[in-house]
Amino acid sequence: IFLSKKDSDYIVNADNEAIKNLEIFKNMNFEEIDFYVFYVKYLSKKEYEAQKVLVGYNGIDGKEVTMSKLKEDINKIRDSRSTFKN
């Protein structure tokens, strides 16, 4: 994933092409970060729970949520794909 900090908020994007091609991202410095590292470093830390984050996949669909909500959504997706479902 790609992570950028703007003011006191974070921007998370999963699509490298959007970052390269969309004008809105031209002046932002995105850092490529491994998903596991992002999960451990940001999503699992109590001090980031209320931190606002703008999440987008293709640069067009953006949604502002808290880190806590993002973690909850990611866990739902993970759990829905689990091979150990009841």
Protein backbone atom coordinates (compact mmCIF):
# COMPACT_ATOMS: atom_id res chain seq x y z
CA ILE A 1 0.00 0.00 0.00
CA PHE A 2 1.01 3.63 -0.33
CA LEU A 3 0.87 6.00 2.63
CA SER A 4 1.13 9.79 2.81
CA LYS A 5 0.63 12.17 5.73
CA LYS A 6 -1.07 15.48 5.03
CA ASP A 7 -1.37 17.87 7.95
CA SER A 8 -2.56 15.65 10.81
CA ASP A 9 -4.33 13.09 8.60
CA TYR A 10 -3.14 10.12 6.56
CA ILE A 11 -3.92 9.13 2.99
CA VAL A 12 -3.83 5.43 2.14
CA ASN A 13 -3.99 4.21 -1.45
CA ALA A 14 -3.61 0.73 -2.84
CA ASP A 15 -3.04 1.67 -6.48
CA ASN A 16 0.37 2.87 -7.67
CA GLU A 17 -1.02 3.93 -11.08
CA ALA A 18 -3.44 6.38 -9.45
CA ILE A 19 -0.60 7.98 -7.53
CA LYS A 20 1.49 8.37 -10.68
CA ASN A 21 -1.29 9.57 -12.98
CA LEU A 22 -3.77 11.65 -10.99
CA GLU A 23 -3.09 15.36 -10.63
CA ILE A 24 -4.37 15.45 -7.05
CA PHE A 25 -1.46 13.24 -5.93
CA LYS A 26 1.33 14.97 -7.88
CA ASN A 27 2.56 17.08 -4.94
CA MET A 28 2.17 14.41 -2.26
CA ASN A 29 4.98 12.19 -1.09
CA PHE A 30 3.70 8.65 -0.80
CA GLU A 31 5.75 6.01 0.93
CA GLU A 32 5.31 2.43 -0.21
CA ILE A 33 4.82 0.29 2.87
CA ASP A 34 4.22 -3.41 3.31
CA PHE A 35 0.66 -4.11 4.41
CA TYR A 36 1.77 -6.12 7.46
CA VAL A 37 4.07 -3.29 8.58
CA PHE A 38 1.21 -0.79 8.14
CA TYR A 39 -1.11 -3.02 10.16
CA VAL A 40 1.37 -3.44 13.01
CA LYS A 41 2.77 0.10 13.01
CA TYR A 42 -0.49 2.04 12.60
CA LEU A 43 -3.67 -0.04 12.77
CA SER A 44 -2.69 -1.96 15.89
CA LYS A 45 -1.54 1.05 17.93
CA LYS A 46 -3.95 2.62 20.39
CA GLU A 47 -2.57 6.13 19.77
CA TYR A 48 -3.71 5.98 16.12
CA GLU A 49 -7.27 4.69 16.72
CA ALA A 50 -8.96 8.10 16.32
CA GLN A 51 -6.56 9.32 13.60
CA LYS A 52 -8.40 10.28 10.43
CA VAL A 53 -7.40 8.56 7.22
CA LEU A 54 -8.56 9.03 3.63
CA VAL A 55 -8.72 5.63 1.99
CA GLY A 56 -8.84 5.14 -1.76
CA TYR A 57 -8.23 2.38 -4.24
CA ASN A 58 -8.18 4.10 -7.59
CA GLY A 59 -7.70 7.71 -6.55
CA ILE A 60 -11.30 8.59 -7.29
CA ASP A 61 -13.16 6.68 -4.61
CA GLY A 62 -12.04 8.27 -1.37
CA LYS A 63 -13.57 7.72 2.03
CA GLU A 64 -12.56 9.41 5.27
CA VAL A 65 -12.59 7.05 8.25
CA THR A 66 -10.67 6.57 11.48
CA MET A 67 -7.78 4.11 11.71
CA SER A 68 -10.00 2.08 14.04
CA LYS A 69 -12.75 1.83 11.40
CA LEU A 70 -10.22 0.96 8.69
CA LYS A 71 -8.88 -1.85 10.87
CA GLU A 72 -12.42 -3.09 11.51
CA ASP A 73 -13.19 -3.12 7.76
CA ILE A 74 -9.94 -4.92 6.94
CA ASN A 75 -10.64 -7.53 9.61
CA LYS A 76 -14.15 -8.11 8.19
CA ILE A 77 -12.69 -8.72 4.73
CA ARG A 78 -10.05 -11.03 6.15
CA ASP A 79 -12.60 -12.97 8.19
CA SER A 80 -14.98 -13.33 5.23
CA ARG A 81 -12.19 -14.99 3.24
CA SER A 82 -11.10 -17.31 6.01
CA THR A 83 -11.05 -21.02 5.21
CA PHE A 84 -11.94 -21.71 8.84
CA LYS A 85 -15.44 -20.19 8.69
CA ASN A 86 -18.25 -22.01 10.47
